PDB file of N, CA and C in Angstrom:
ATOM      1  N   MET A   1      -4.298 -10.634   0.314  1.00  0.00           N
ATOM      2  CA  MET A   1      -5.305 -10.109  -0.566  1.00  0.00           C
ATOM      3  C   MET A   1      -4.693  -8.971  -1.382  1.00  0.00           C
ATOM      4  N   LEU A   2      -4.997  -8.938  -2.659  1.00  0.00           N
ATOM      5  CA  LEU A   2      -4.509  -7.915  -3.568  1.00  0.00           C
ATOM      6  C   LEU A   2      -5.429  -6.694  -3.476  1.00  0.00           C
ATOM      7  N   ILE A   3      -4.839  -5.532  -3.170  1.00  0.00           N
ATOM      8  CA  ILE A   3      -5.626  -4.302  -3.079  1.00  0.00           C
ATOM      9  C   ILE A   3      -5.033  -3.247  -4.005  1.00  0.00           C
ATOM     10  N   ARG A   4      -5.853  -2.322  -4.446  1.00  0.00           N
ATOM     11  CA  ARG A   4      -5.418  -1.236  -5.319  1.00  0.00           C
ATOM     12  C   ARG A   4      -4.599  -0.225  -4.526  1.00  0.00           C
ATOM     13  N   TYR A   5      -3.558   0.279  -5.125  1.00  0.00           N
ATOM     14  CA  TYR A   5      -2.740   1.330  -4.525  1.00  0.00           C
ATOM     15  C   TYR A   5      -3.578   2.594  -4.341  1.00  0.00           C
ATOM     16  N   LYS A   6      -3.394   3.256  -3.195  1.00  0.00           N
ATOM     17  CA  LYS A   6      -3.967   4.567  -2.928  1.00  0.00           C
ATOM     18  C   LYS A   6      -2.833   5.468  -2.441  1.00  0.00           C
ATOM     19  N   LYS A   7      -3.018   6.759  -2.601  1.00  0.00           N
ATOM     20  CA  LYS A   7      -2.004   7.746  -2.203  1.00  0.00           C
ATOM     21  C   LYS A   7      -1.593   7.578  -0.732  1.00  0.00           C
ATOM     22  N   THR A   8      -2.516   7.134   0.116  1.00  0.00           N
ATOM     23  CA  THR A   8      -2.189   6.949   1.538  1.00  0.00           C
ATOM     24  C   THR A   8      -1.139   5.863   1.754  1.00  0.00           C
ATOM     25  N   PHE A   9      -0.936   4.996   0.754  1.00  0.00           N
ATOM     26  CA  PHE A   9       0.056   3.926   0.844  1.00  0.00           C
ATOM     27  C   PHE A   9       1.377   4.306   0.162  1.00  0.00           C
ATOM     28  N   GLU A  10       1.550   5.581  -0.167  1.00  0.00           N
ATOM     29  CA  GLU A  10       2.703   5.996  -0.970  1.00  0.00           C
ATOM     30  C   GLU A  10       4.043   5.590  -0.359  1.00  0.00           C
ATOM     31  N   LYS A  11       4.263   5.858   0.913  1.00  0.00           N
ATOM     32  CA  LYS A  11       5.559   5.539   1.530  1.00  0.00           C
ATOM     33  C   LYS A  11       5.806   4.042   1.560  1.00  0.00           C
ATOM     34  N   ILE A  12       4.789   3.261   1.856  1.00  0.00           N
ATOM     35  CA  ILE A  12       4.923   1.802   1.873  1.00  0.00           C
ATOM     36  C   ILE A  12       5.241   1.303   0.469  1.00  0.00           C
ATOM     37  N   ALA A  13       4.500   1.803  -0.523  1.00  0.00           N
ATOM     38  CA  ALA A  13       4.724   1.379  -1.910  1.00  0.00           C
ATOM     39  C   ALA A  13       6.123   1.759  -2.376  1.00  0.00           C
ATOM     40  N   MET A  14       6.568   2.959  -2.043  1.00  0.00           N
ATOM     41  CA  MET A  14       7.919   3.373  -2.438  1.00  0.00           C
ATOM     42  C   MET A  14       8.966   2.487  -1.775  1.00  0.00           C
ATOM     43  N   GLY A  15       8.744   2.150  -0.515  1.00  0.00           N
ATOM     44  CA  GLY A  15       9.675   1.260   0.173  1.00  0.00           C
ATOM     45  C   GLY A  15       9.757  -0.101  -0.496  1.00  0.00           C
ATOM     46  N   LEU A  16       8.619  -0.639  -0.858  1.00  0.00           N
ATOM     47  CA  LEU A  16       8.606  -1.944  -1.523  1.00  0.00           C
ATOM     48  C   LEU A  16       9.230  -1.866  -2.909  1.00  0.00           C
ATOM     49  N   LEU A  17       8.870  -0.847  -3.680  1.00  0.00           N
ATOM     50  CA  LEU A  17       9.431  -0.711  -5.029  1.00  0.00           C
ATOM     51  C   LEU A  17      10.930  -0.462  -5.009  1.00  0.00           C
ATOM     52  N   SER A  18      11.451   0.084  -3.910  1.00  0.00           N
ATOM     53  CA  SER A  18      12.888   0.347  -3.832  1.00  0.00           C
ATOM     54  C   SER A  18      13.713  -0.942  -3.838  1.00  0.00           C
ATOM     55  N   PHE A  19      13.074  -2.078  -3.622  1.00  0.00           N
ATOM     56  CA  PHE A  19      13.782  -3.361  -3.693  1.00  0.00           C
ATOM     57  C   PHE A  19      13.989  -3.816  -5.139  1.00  0.00           C
ATOM     58  N   MET A  20      13.303  -3.168  -6.101  1.00  0.00           N
ATOM     59  CA  MET A  20      13.493  -3.495  -7.513  1.00  0.00           C
ATOM     60  C   MET A  20      14.838  -2.925  -7.970  1.00  0.00           C
ATOM     61  N   PRO A  21      15.594  -3.664  -8.769  1.00  0.00           N
ATOM     62  CA  PRO A  21      16.933  -3.215  -9.185  1.00  0.00           C
ATOM     63  C   PRO A  21      16.963  -1.840  -9.855  1.00  0.00           C
ATOM     64  N   ASP A  22      15.966  -1.498 -10.656  1.00  0.00           N
ATOM     65  CA  ASP A  22      15.969  -0.223 -11.374  1.00  0.00           C
ATOM     66  C   ASP A  22      15.327   0.915 -10.589  1.00  0.00           C
ATOM     67  N   GLU A  23      14.938   0.671  -9.364  1.00  0.00           N
ATOM     68  CA  GLU A  23      14.227   1.682  -8.579  1.00  0.00           C
ATOM     69  C   GLU A  23      15.007   2.118  -7.339  1.00  0.00           C
ATOM     70  N   LYS A  24      16.297   2.081  -7.386  1.00  0.00           N
ATOM     71  CA  LYS A  24      17.125   2.413  -6.228  1.00  0.00           C
ATOM     72  C   LYS A  24      17.219   3.913  -5.966  1.00  0.00           C
ATOM     73  N   GLU A  25      17.219   4.729  -7.023  1.00  0.00           N
ATOM     74  CA  GLU A  25      17.366   6.170  -6.877  1.00  0.00           C
ATOM     75  C   GLU A  25      16.026   6.799  -6.503  1.00  0.00           C
ATOM     76  N   VAL A  26      16.052   7.740  -5.561  1.00  0.00           N
ATOM     77  CA  VAL A  26      14.820   8.361  -5.062  1.00  0.00           C
ATOM     78  C   VAL A  26      14.057   9.061  -6.180  1.00  0.00           C
ATOM     79  N   LYS A  27      14.744   9.789  -7.048  1.00  0.00           N
ATOM     80  CA  LYS A  27      14.059  10.501  -8.142  1.00  0.00           C
ATOM     81  C   LYS A  27      13.358   9.533  -9.084  1.00  0.00           C
ATOM     82  N   LYS A  28      13.996   8.423  -9.390  1.00  0.00           N
ATOM     83  CA  LYS A  28      13.380   7.408 -10.260  1.00  0.00           C
ATOM     84  C   LYS A  28      12.166   6.804  -9.572  1.00  0.00           C
ATOM     85  N   LEU A  29      12.285   6.526  -8.309  1.00  0.00           N
ATOM     86  CA  LEU A  29      11.192   5.966  -7.518  1.00  0.00           C
ATOM     87  C   LEU A  29      10.004   6.927  -7.467  1.00  0.00           C
ATOM     88  N   GLN A  30      10.277   8.205  -7.259  1.00  0.00           N
ATOM     89  CA  GLN A  30       9.211   9.210  -7.231  1.00  0.00           C
ATOM     90  C   GLN A  30       8.519   9.300  -8.590  1.00  0.00           C
ATOM     91  N   TYR A  31       9.294   9.225  -9.668  1.00  0.00           N
ATOM     92  CA  TYR A  31       8.721   9.252 -11.008  1.00  0.00           C
ATOM     93  C   TYR A  31       7.812   8.032 -11.221  1.00  0.00           C
ATOM     94  N   THR A  32       8.267   6.868 -10.795  1.00  0.00           N
ATOM     95  CA  THR A  32       7.483   5.642 -10.963  1.00  0.00           C
ATOM     96  C   THR A  32       6.163   5.736 -10.208  1.00  0.00           C
ATOM     97  N   ILE A  33       6.200   6.183  -8.973  1.00  0.00           N
ATOM     98  CA  ILE A  33       4.972   6.321  -8.186  1.00  0.00           C
ATOM     99  C   ILE A  33       4.034   7.321  -8.849  1.00  0.00           C
ATOM    100  N   LYS A  34       4.582   8.428  -9.343  1.00  0.00           N
ATOM    101  CA  LYS A  34       3.763   9.437 -10.016  1.00  0.00           C
ATOM    102  C   LYS A  34       3.075   8.841 -11.248  1.00  0.00           C
ATOM    103  N   GLU A  35       3.790   7.990 -11.990  1.00  0.00           N
ATOM    104  CA  GLU A  35       3.180   7.332 -13.151  1.00  0.00           C
ATOM    105  C   GLU A  35       2.013   6.445 -12.719  1.00  0.00           C
ATOM    106  N   TYR A  36       2.209   5.692 -11.641  1.00  0.00           N
ATOM    107  CA  TYR A  36       1.124   4.834 -11.155  1.00  0.00           C
ATOM    108  C   TYR A  36      -0.074   5.651 -10.694  1.00  0.00           C
ATOM    109  N   GLU A  37       0.178   6.841 -10.189  1.00  0.00           N
ATOM    110  CA  GLU A  37      -0.915   7.687  -9.714  1.00  0.00           C
ATOM    111  C   GLU A  37      -1.636   8.419 -10.845  1.00  0.00           C
ATOM    112  N   SER A  38      -0.925   8.749 -11.904  1.00  0.00           N
ATOM    113  CA  SER A  38      -1.510   9.622 -12.926  1.00  0.00           C
ATOM    114  C   SER A  38      -1.761   8.975 -14.285  1.00  0.00           C
ATOM    115  N   ASN A  39      -1.057   7.933 -14.618  1.00  0.00           N
ATOM    116  CA  ASN A  39      -1.208   7.309 -15.934  1.00  0.00           C
ATOM    117  C   ASN A  39      -2.329   6.273 -15.872  1.00  0.00           C
ATOM    118  N   PRO A  40      -3.374   6.433 -16.679  1.00  0.00           N
ATOM    119  CA  PRO A  40      -4.506   5.498 -16.617  1.00  0.00           C
ATOM    120  C   PRO A  40      -4.166   4.073 -17.074  1.00  0.00           C
ATOM    121  N   ASP A  41      -3.028   3.896 -17.720  1.00  0.00           N
ATOM    122  CA  ASP A  41      -2.626   2.562 -18.181  1.00  0.00           C
ATOM    123  C   ASP A  41      -1.712   1.842 -17.198  1.00  0.00           C
ATOM    124  N   TRP A  42      -1.299   2.522 -16.143  1.00  0.00           N
ATOM    125  CA  TRP A  42      -0.432   1.931 -15.122  1.00  0.00           C
ATOM    126  C   TRP A  42      -1.269   1.658 -13.882  1.00  0.00           C
ATOM    127  N   HIS A  43      -1.130   0.449 -13.323  1.00  0.00           N
ATOM    128  CA  HIS A  43      -1.898   0.065 -12.139  1.00  0.00           C
ATOM    129  C   HIS A  43      -0.969  -0.608 -11.133  1.00  0.00           C
ATOM    130  N   LEU A  44      -1.026  -0.148  -9.902  1.00  0.00           N
ATOM    131  CA  LEU A  44      -0.206  -0.709  -8.837  1.00  0.00           C
ATOM    132  C   LEU A  44      -1.120  -1.368  -7.819  1.00  0.00           C
ATOM    133  N   TYR A  45      -0.777  -2.594  -7.460  1.00  0.00           N
ATOM    134  CA  TYR A  45      -1.522  -3.349  -6.461  1.00  0.00           C
ATOM    135  C   TYR A  45      -0.585  -3.712  -5.323  1.00  0.00           C
ATOM    136  N   LEU A  46      -1.143  -3.782  -4.130  1.00  0.00           N
ATOM    137  CA  LEU A  46      -0.372  -4.144  -2.949  1.00  0.00           C
ATOM    138  C   LEU A  46      -0.943  -5.429  -2.377  1.00  0.00           C
ATOM    139  N   TRP A  47      -0.071  -6.249  -1.798  1.00  0.00           N
ATOM    140  CA  TRP A  47      -0.505  -7.484  -1.155  1.00  0.00           C
ATOM    141  C   TRP A  47      -0.615  -7.225   0.338  1.00  0.00           C
ATOM    142  N   LYS A  48      -1.825  -7.393   0.864  1.00  0.00           N
ATOM    143  CA  LYS A  48      -2.053  -7.114   2.274  1.00  0.00           C
ATOM    144  C   LYS A  48      -2.532  -8.366   2.985  1.00  0.00           C
ATOM    145  N   GLU A  49      -1.849  -8.662   4.062  1.00  0.00           N
ATOM    146  CA  GLU A  49      -2.320  -9.673   5.003  1.00  0.00           C
ATOM    147  C   GLU A  49      -2.622  -8.869   6.268  1.00  0.00           C
ATOM    148  N   GLU A  50      -1.873  -9.020   7.331  1.00  0.00           N
ATOM    149  CA  GLU A  50      -2.027  -8.089   8.454  1.00  0.00           C
ATOM    150  C   GLU A  50      -1.377  -6.752   8.103  1.00  0.00           C
ATOM    151  N   ASP A  51      -0.258  -6.819   7.419  1.00  0.00           N
ATOM    152  CA  ASP A  51       0.455  -5.637   6.930  1.00  0.00           C
ATOM    153  C   ASP A  51       0.566  -5.739   5.417  1.00  0.00           C
ATOM    154  N   ILE A  52       1.015  -4.669   4.805  1.00  0.00           N
ATOM    155  CA  ILE A  52       1.286  -4.697   3.367  1.00  0.00           C
ATOM    156  C   ILE A  52       2.667  -5.301   3.176  1.00  0.00           C
ATOM    157  N   LEU A  53       2.723  -6.400   2.432  1.00  0.00           N
ATOM    158  CA  LEU A  53       3.953  -7.180   2.313  1.00  0.00           C
ATOM    159  C   LEU A  53       4.560  -7.185   0.918  1.00  0.00           C
ATOM    160  N   GLY A  54       3.799  -6.780  -0.093  1.00  0.00           N
ATOM    161  CA  GLY A  54       4.321  -6.846  -1.453  1.00  0.00           C
ATOM    162  C   GLY A  54       3.619  -5.866  -2.370  1.00  0.00           C
ATOM    163  N   ALA A  55       4.181  -5.724  -3.569  1.00  0.00           N
ATOM    164  CA  ALA A  55       3.597  -4.842  -4.582  1.00  0.00           C
ATOM    165  C   ALA A  55       3.810  -5.453  -5.956  1.00  0.00           C
ATOM    166  N   VAL A  56       2.822  -5.260  -6.809  1.00  0.00           N
ATOM    167  CA  VAL A  56       2.938  -5.681  -8.201  1.00  0.00           C
ATOM    168  C   VAL A  56       2.368  -4.551  -9.058  1.00  0.00           C
ATOM    169  N   GLY A  57       3.168  -4.151 -10.042  1.00  0.00           N
ATOM    170  CA  GLY A  57       2.756  -3.054 -10.916  1.00  0.00           C
ATOM    171  C   GLY A  57       2.631  -3.531 -12.343  1.00  0.00           C
ATOM    172  N   ILE A  58       1.555  -3.111 -12.987  1.00  0.00           N
ATOM    173  CA  ILE A  58       1.323  -3.513 -14.376  1.00  0.00           C
ATOM    174  C   ILE A  58       1.114  -2.287 -15.252  1.00  0.00           C
ATOM    175  N   ARG A  59       1.301  -2.509 -16.530  1.00  0.00           N
ATOM    176  CA  ARG A  59       1.016  -1.492 -17.543  1.00  0.00           C
ATOM    177  C   ARG A  59       0.200  -2.173 -18.626  1.00  0.00           C
ATOM    178  N   ILE A  60      -0.903  -1.558 -18.997  1.00  0.00           N
ATOM    179  CA  ILE A  60      -1.724  -2.088 -20.083  1.00  0.00           C
ATOM    180  C   ILE A  60      -1.324  -1.339 -21.337  1.00  0.00           C
ATOM    181  N   ASN A  61      -0.879  -2.084 -22.351  1.00  0.00           N
ATOM    182  CA  ASN A  61      -0.451  -1.388 -23.565  1.00  0.00           C
ATOM    183  C   ASN A  61      -1.525  -1.471 -24.638  1.00  0.00           C
ATOM    184  N   GLU A  62      -1.286  -0.785 -25.735  1.00  0.00           N
ATOM    185  CA  GLU A  62      -2.306  -0.615 -26.772  1.00  0.00           C
ATOM    186  C   GLU A  62      -2.658  -1.893 -27.527  1.00  0.00           C
ATOM    187  N   ASP A  63      -1.826  -2.911 -27.464  1.00  0.00           N
ATOM    188  CA  ASP A  63      -2.155  -4.148 -28.178  1.00  0.00           C
ATOM    189  C   ASP A  63      -2.665  -5.232 -27.224  1.00  0.00           C
ATOM    190  N   ASP A  64      -3.460  -4.811 -26.248  1.00  0.00           N
ATOM    191  CA  ASP A  64      -4.160  -5.722 -25.329  1.00  0.00           C
ATOM    192  C   ASP A  64      -3.232  -6.672 -24.587  1.00  0.00           C
ATOM    193  N   LYS A  65      -2.134  -6.133 -24.110  1.00  0.00           N
ATOM    194  CA  LYS A  65      -1.224  -6.906 -23.274  1.00  0.00           C
ATOM    195  C   LYS A  65      -1.090  -6.213 -21.918  1.00  0.00           C
ATOM    196  N   VAL A  66      -1.075  -7.007 -20.870  1.00  0.00           N
ATOM    197  CA  VAL A  66      -0.774  -6.513 -19.533  1.00  0.00           C
ATOM    198  C   VAL A  66       0.686  -6.867 -19.283  1.00  0.00           C
ATOM    199  N   ILE A  67       1.492  -5.864 -19.048  1.00  0.00           N
ATOM    200  CA  ILE A  67       2.914  -6.056 -18.818  1.00  0.00           C
ATOM    201  C   ILE A  67       3.165  -5.954 -17.316  1.00  0.00           C
ATOM    202  N   ILE A  68       3.666  -7.017 -16.719  1.00  0.00           N
ATOM    203  CA  ILE A  68       4.029  -6.977 -15.308  1.00  0.00           C
ATOM    204  C   ILE A  68       5.421  -6.358 -15.240  1.00  0.00           C
ATOM    205  N   GLN A  69       5.454  -5.104 -14.785  1.00  0.00           N
ATOM    206  CA  GLN A  69       6.709  -4.369 -14.816  1.00  0.00           C
ATOM    207  C   GLN A  69       7.385  -4.264 -13.463  1.00  0.00           C
ATOM    208  N   HIS A  70       6.665  -4.471 -12.386  1.00  0.00           N
ATOM    209  CA  HIS A  70       7.254  -4.483 -11.051  1.00  0.00           C
ATOM    210  C   HIS A  70       6.629  -5.618 -10.248  1.00  0.00           C
ATOM    211  N   ILE A  71       7.443  -6.313  -9.501  1.00  0.00           N
ATOM    212  CA  ILE A  71       6.939  -7.266  -8.509  1.00  0.00           C
ATOM    213  C   ILE A  71       7.979  -7.345  -7.405  1.00  0.00           C
ATOM    214  N   THR A  72       7.526  -7.129  -6.194  1.00  0.00           N
ATOM    215  CA  THR A  72       8.457  -7.080  -5.072  1.00  0.00           C
ATOM    216  C   THR A  72       7.748  -7.497  -3.790  1.00  0.00           C
ATOM    217  N   VAL A  73       8.506  -8.137  -2.923  1.00  0.00           N
ATOM    218  CA  VAL A  73       7.992  -8.594  -1.627  1.00  0.00           C
ATOM    219  C   VAL A  73       8.984  -8.139  -0.558  1.00  0.00           C
ATOM    220  N   ASN A  74       8.461  -7.742   0.573  1.00  0.00           N
ATOM    221  CA  ASN A  74       9.300  -7.378   1.717  1.00  0.00           C
ATOM    222  C   ASN A  74      10.289  -8.525   1.960  1.00  0.00           C
ATOM    223  N   PRO A  75      11.585  -8.230   2.049  1.00  0.00           N
ATOM    224  CA  PRO A  75      12.585  -9.298   2.192  1.00  0.00           C
ATOM    225  C   PRO A  75      12.335 -10.253   3.355  1.00  0.00           C
ATOM    226  N   SER A  76      11.765  -9.786   4.435  1.00  0.00           N
ATOM    227  CA  SER A  76      11.525 -10.676   5.574  1.00  0.00           C
ATOM    228  C   SER A  76      10.332 -11.599   5.365  1.00  0.00           C
ATOM    229  N   HIS A  77       9.623 -11.452   4.237  1.00  0.00           N
ATOM    230  CA  HIS A  77       8.470 -12.311   3.941  1.00  0.00           C
ATOM    231  C   HIS A  77       8.631 -13.030   2.600  1.00  0.00           C
ATOM    232  N   ARG A  78       9.838 -13.107   2.105  1.00  0.00           N
ATOM    233  CA  ARG A  78      10.076 -13.778   0.822  1.00  0.00           C
ATOM    234  C   ARG A  78      10.117 -15.287   1.000  1.00  0.00           C
ATOM    235  N   ASN A  79       9.931 -15.977  -0.105  1.00  0.00           N
ATOM    236  CA  ASN A  79       9.996 -17.441  -0.176  1.00  0.00           C
ATOM    237  C   ASN A  79       8.874 -18.127   0.586  1.00  0.00           C
ATOM    238  N   VAL A  80       7.740 -17.443   0.711  1.00  0.00           N
ATOM    239  CA  VAL A  80       6.568 -18.078   1.324  1.00  0.00           C
ATOM    240  C   VAL A  80       5.361 -18.031   0.388  1.00  0.00           C
ATOM    241  N   GLY A  81       5.572 -17.631  -0.868  1.00  0.00           N
ATOM    242  CA  GLY A  81       4.513 -17.689  -1.868  1.00  0.00           C
ATOM    243  C   GLY A  81       3.741 -16.406  -2.111  1.00  0.00           C
ATOM    244  N   ILE A  82       4.137 -15.290  -1.491  1.00  0.00           N
ATOM    245  CA  ILE A  82       3.404 -14.040  -1.678  1.00  0.00           C
ATOM    246  C   ILE A  82       3.495 -13.560  -3.132  1.00  0.00           C
ATOM    247  N   GLY A  83       4.670 -13.615  -3.713  1.00  0.00           N
ATOM    248  CA  GLY A  83       4.839 -13.206  -5.108  1.00  0.00           C
ATOM    249  C   GLY A  83       3.954 -14.017  -6.036  1.00  0.00           C
ATOM    250  N   LYS A  84       3.913 -15.321  -5.827  1.00  0.00           N
ATOM    251  CA  LYS A  84       3.059 -16.178  -6.653  1.00  0.00           C
ATOM    252  C   LYS A  84       1.587 -15.822  -6.473  1.00  0.00           C
ATOM    253  N   LYS A  85       1.186 -15.509  -5.252  1.00  0.00           N
ATOM    254  CA  LYS A  85      -0.206 -15.121  -4.999  1.00  0.00           C
ATOM    255  C   LYS A  85      -0.541 -13.818  -5.716  1.00  0.00           C
ATOM    256  N   MET A  86       0.402 -12.882  -5.738  1.00  0.00           N
ATOM    257  CA  MET A  86       0.156 -11.620  -6.434  1.00  0.00           C
ATOM    258  C   MET A  86      -0.003 -11.855  -7.935  1.00  0.00           C
ATOM    259  N   ILE A  87       0.868 -12.690  -8.499  1.00  0.00           N
ATOM    260  CA  ILE A  87       0.769 -13.002  -9.934  1.00  0.00           C
ATOM    261  C   ILE A  87      -0.560 -13.691 -10.222  1.00  0.00           C
ATOM    262  N   GLN A  88      -0.952 -14.618  -9.364  1.00  0.00           N
ATOM    263  CA  GLN A  88      -2.240 -15.297  -9.539  1.00  0.00           C
ATOM    264  C   GLN A  88      -3.393 -14.296  -9.496  1.00  0.00           C
ATOM    265  N   GLY A  89      -3.329 -13.331  -8.581  1.00  0.00           N
ATOM    266  CA  GLY A  89      -4.367 -12.304  -8.498  1.00  0.00           C
ATOM    267  C   GLY A  89      -4.453 -11.468  -9.767  1.00  0.00           C
ATOM    268  N   ILE A  90      -3.301 -11.127 -10.334  1.00  0.00           N
ATOM    269  CA  ILE A  90      -3.285 -10.374 -11.599  1.00  0.00           C
ATOM    270  C   ILE A  90      -3.866 -11.233 -12.716  1.00  0.00           C
ATOM    271  N   LYS A  91      -3.479 -12.510 -12.760  1.00  0.00           N
ATOM    272  CA  LYS A  91      -4.024 -13.407 -13.783  1.00  0.00           C
ATOM    273  C   LYS A  91      -5.537 -13.498 -13.677  1.00  0.00           C
ATOM    274  N   GLU A  92      -6.050 -13.660 -12.471  1.00  0.00           N
ATOM    275  CA  GLU A  92      -7.497 -13.771 -12.284  1.00  0.00           C
ATOM    276  C   GLU A  92      -8.211 -12.499 -12.722  1.00  0.00           C
ATOM    277  N   GLN A  93      -7.598 -11.370 -12.492  1.00  0.00           N
ATOM    278  CA  GLN A  93      -8.239 -10.106 -12.811  1.00  0.00           C
ATOM    279  C   GLN A  93      -8.156  -9.738 -14.290  1.00  0.00           C
ATOM    280  N   TYR A  94      -7.064 -10.119 -14.955  1.00  0.00           N
ATOM    281  CA  TYR A  94      -6.826  -9.607 -16.300  1.00  0.00           C
ATOM    282  C   TYR A  94      -6.767 -10.644 -17.420  1.00  0.00           C
ATOM    283  N   SER A  95      -6.494 -11.900 -17.142  1.00  0.00           N
ATOM    284  CA  SER A  95      -6.220 -12.848 -18.236  1.00  0.00           C
ATOM    285  C   SER A  95      -7.421 -13.126 -19.130  1.00  0.00           C
ATOM    286  N   HIS A  96      -8.629 -12.859 -18.681  1.00  0.00           N
ATOM    287  CA  HIS A  96      -9.793 -13.099 -19.529  1.00  0.00           C
ATOM    288  C   HIS A  96      -9.902 -12.087 -20.672  1.00  0.00           C
ATOM    289  N   GLN A  97      -9.247 -10.936 -20.561  1.00  0.00           N
ATOM    290  CA  GLN A  97      -9.333  -9.954 -21.632  1.00  0.00           C
ATOM    291  C   GLN A  97      -7.971  -9.492 -22.160  1.00  0.00           C
ATOM    292  N   TYR A  98      -6.900  -9.860 -21.478  1.00  0.00           N
ATOM    293  CA  TYR A  98      -5.562  -9.431 -21.893  1.00  0.00           C
ATOM    294  C   TYR A  98      -4.587 -10.601 -21.859  1.00  0.00           C
ATOM    295  N   GLU A  99      -3.577 -10.494 -22.708  1.00  0.00           N
ATOM    296  CA  GLU A  99      -2.448 -11.412 -22.637  1.00  0.00           C
ATOM    297  C   GLU A  99      -1.476 -10.834 -21.614  1.00  0.00           C
ATOM    298  N   ILE A 100      -0.994 -11.659 -20.712  1.00  0.00           N
ATOM    299  CA  ILE A 100      -0.110 -11.171 -19.654  1.00  0.00           C
ATOM    300  C   ILE A 100       1.335 -11.483 -20.026  1.00  0.00           C
ATOM    301  N   ARG A 101       2.172 -10.455 -19.932  1.00  0.00           N
ATOM    302  CA  ARG A 101       3.585 -10.565 -20.297  1.00  0.00           C
ATOM    303  C   ARG A 101       4.455 -10.012 -19.180  1.00  0.00           C
ATOM    304  N   ALA A 102       5.742 -10.252 -19.308  1.00  0.00           N
ATOM    305  CA  ALA A 102       6.717  -9.760 -18.332  1.00  0.00           C
ATOM    306  C   ALA A 102       7.694  -8.817 -19.021  1.00  0.00           C
ATOM    307  N   THR A 103       8.424  -8.064 -18.217  1.00  0.00           N
ATOM    308  CA  THR A 103       9.557  -7.285 -18.727  1.00  0.00           C
ATOM    309  C   THR A 103      10.809  -8.133 -18.514  1.00  0.00           C
ATOM    310  N   GLU A 104      11.941  -7.634 -18.951  1.00  0.00           N
ATOM    311  CA  GLU A 104      13.193  -8.350 -18.696  1.00  0.00           C
ATOM    312  C   GLU A 104      13.418  -8.538 -17.202  1.00  0.00           C
ATOM    313  N   LEU A 105      13.045  -7.520 -16.416  1.00  0.00           N
ATOM    314  CA  LEU A 105      13.251  -7.592 -14.967  1.00  0.00           C
ATOM    315  C   LEU A 105      12.335  -8.597 -14.282  1.00  0.00           C
ATOM    316  N   THR A 106      11.117  -8.755 -14.779  1.00  0.00           N
ATOM    317  CA  THR A 106      10.151  -9.622 -14.094  1.00  0.00           C
ATOM    318  C   THR A 106      10.040 -11.006 -14.724  1.00  0.00           C
ATOM    319  N   GLU A 107      10.646 -11.191 -15.883  1.00  0.00           N
ATOM    320  CA  GLU A 107      10.532 -12.450 -16.602  1.00  0.00           C
ATOM    321  C   GLU A 107      11.049 -13.649 -15.799  1.00  0.00           C
ATOM    322  N   GLY A 108      12.175 -13.493 -15.147  1.00  0.00           N
ATOM    323  CA  GLY A 108      12.748 -14.593 -14.368  1.00  0.00           C
ATOM    324  C   GLY A 108      11.803 -15.050 -13.265  1.00  0.00           C
ATOM    325  N   PHE A 109      11.199 -14.104 -12.580  1.00  0.00           N
ATOM    326  CA  PHE A 109      10.277 -14.465 -11.504  1.00  0.00           C
ATOM    327  C   PHE A 109       9.034 -15.135 -12.062  1.00  0.00           C
ATOM    328  N   LEU A 110       8.492 -14.593 -13.155  1.00  0.00           N
ATOM    329  CA  LEU A 110       7.292 -15.204 -13.737  1.00  0.00           C
ATOM    330  C   LEU A 110       7.583 -16.624 -14.225  1.00  0.00           C
ATOM    331  N   ASN A 111       8.770 -16.844 -14.775  1.00  0.00           N
ATOM    332  CA  ASN A 111       9.144 -18.204 -15.167  1.00  0.00           C
ATOM    333  C   ASN A 111       9.249 -19.112 -13.966  1.00  0.00           C
ATOM    334  N   LYS A 112       9.767 -18.589 -12.870  1.00  0.00           N
ATOM    335  CA  LYS A 112       9.860 -19.368 -11.621  1.00  0.00           C
ATOM    336  C   LYS A 112       8.464 -19.755 -11.119  1.00  0.00           C
ATOM    337  N   CYS A 113       7.495 -18.875 -11.375  1.00  0.00           N
ATOM    338  CA  CYS A 113       6.102 -19.154 -10.967  1.00  0.00           C
ATOM    339  C   CYS A 113       5.410 -20.099 -11.946  1.00  0.00           C
ATOM    340  N   LYS A 114       6.146 -20.561 -12.950  1.00  0.00           N
ATOM    341  CA  LYS A 114       5.595 -21.417 -14.002  1.00  0.00           C
ATOM    342  C   LYS A 114       4.422 -20.740 -14.697  1.00  0.00           C
ATOM    343  N   PHE A 115       4.606 -19.462 -14.968  1.00  0.00           N
ATOM    344  CA  PHE A 115       3.573 -18.651 -15.611  1.00  0.00           C
ATOM    345  C   PHE A 115       3.595 -18.885 -17.087  1.00  0.00           C
TER     346      PHE A 115
END
């Protein structure tokens, strides 16, 4: 199930985001989390089953596009469809009013999902 990020999930979210290629440095990771917490156009969602297993971060830009800028799954739970479920959840929530796009980093995964 896709749930909204809350400050209480900060360490889990940072751990998951650290698997993204551009989020390896602690200072960059802290900046990214701060943006998700304070920027009204940035939204972070977590995938929860029994535990939190993945994260997907979006940015809504001024020309009515939702940009999927982060998507990550705990390595021990990869290749079982969690990433696809997160993308589907974002599509269900946003595609009726926004065009959904990817960044260079997330484009390959979205193409793999046949998005």
